[in-house]
Protein backbone atom coordinates (compact mmCIF):
# COMPACT_ATOMS: atom_id res chain seq x y z
CA UNK A 1 23.12 -9.28 9.90
CA UNK A 2 21.91 -4.89 9.34
CA UNK A 3 22.73 -4.98 6.12
CA UNK A 4 20.53 -8.58 5.22
CA UNK A 5 17.49 -6.75 6.66
CA UNK A 6 17.65 -3.26 5.05
CA UNK A 7 18.25 -5.37 2.11
CA UNK A 8 15.46 -7.51 2.48
CA UNK A 9 13.08 -4.10 3.47
CA UNK A 10 14.75 -2.63 -0.14
CA UNK A 11 13.65 -6.06 -1.84
CA UNK A 12 9.85 -5.73 -0.55
CA UNK A 13 9.29 -2.35 -0.49
CA UNK A 14 6.81 -2.19 -3.13
CA UNK A 15 4.80 -4.30 -1.07
CA UNK A 16 5.34 -3.15 2.51
CA UNK A 17 4.09 0.76 0.28
CA UNK A 18 1.05 -1.53 -1.00
CA UNK A 19 -0.14 -2.66 1.73
CA UNK A 20 0.52 0.44 3.71
CA UNK A 21 -1.88 2.73 1.15
CA UNK A 22 -4.56 -0.36 1.46
CA UNK A 23 -4.32 -1.49 -2.20
CA UNK A 24 -4.43 -5.57 -3.18
CA UNK A 25 -1.17 -6.63 -1.25
CA UNK A 26 -1.73 -10.50 -2.26
CA UNK A 27 -1.65 -9.57 -5.71
CA UNK A 28 1.54 -7.37 -5.64
CA UNK A 29 3.40 -9.87 -2.94
CA UNK A 30 3.82 -12.24 -5.83
CA UNK A 31 4.56 -9.67 -8.30
CA UNK A 32 7.22 -8.42 -6.22
CA UNK A 33 8.23 -12.39 -5.17
CA UNK A 34 8.89 -13.50 -9.00
CA UNK A 35 9.57 -10.31 -10.69
CA UNK A 36 10.72 -8.46 -8.28
CA UNK A 37 14.92 -9.42 -8.22
CA UNK A 38 15.15 -7.56 -11.55
CA UNK A 39 15.76 -4.53 -11.96
CA UNK A 40 12.89 -3.71 -14.13
CA UNK A 41 10.43 -5.49 -12.44
CA UNK A 42 11.02 -4.35 -9.21
CA UNK A 43 11.00 -0.03 -10.81
CA UNK A 44 7.54 -1.42 -12.61
CA UNK A 45 5.78 -2.12 -8.79
CA UNK A 46 7.19 0.23 -7.15
CA UNK A 47 5.80 2.60 -9.99
CA UNK A 48 2.90 0.69 -10.03
CA UNK A 49 2.19 0.82 -5.92
CA UNK A 50 3.37 4.75 -6.33
CA UNK A 51 0.69 5.81 -9.14
CA UNK A 52 -2.26 3.81 -7.87
CA UNK A 53 -3.61 5.94 -5.62
CA UNK A 54 -4.63 5.03 -1.91
CA UNK A 55 -7.98 3.23 -1.84
CA UNK A 56 -11.00 4.66 1.18
CA UNK A 57 -12.97 2.80 2.50
CA UNK A 58 -16.01 5.00 3.26
CA UNK A 59 -17.93 4.59 6.70
CA UNK A 60 -20.75 6.51 7.39
CA UNK A 61 -21.03 8.11 10.69
CA UNK A 62 -23.62 8.07 13.24
CA UNK A 63 -26.55 11.29 13.16
CA UNK A 64 -28.45 12.07 15.35
CA UNK A 65 -31.66 14.16 14.26
CA UNK A 66 -32.77 15.61 17.61
CA UNK A 67 -28.77 18.34 17.77
CA UNK A 68 -30.27 21.35 18.18
CA UNK A 69 -28.54 23.77 15.95
CA UNK A 70 -28.36 27.38 17.62
CA UNK A 71 -27.89 29.80 14.33
């Protein structure tokens, strides 16, 4: 049973990495389901996920203009 779990995690490794890196998971998941069983498709997905940089979202922070600065 553990061996089967490890195989499933390895099969979906590109999808897991895409989710962890904040990329579009739906497209990677579908491609992983349909083309992941081929060795070339799995490696192509893995390379695609690793080549794309992580997506950063900039959230504006709180700025208090009343803060006194000591020089």
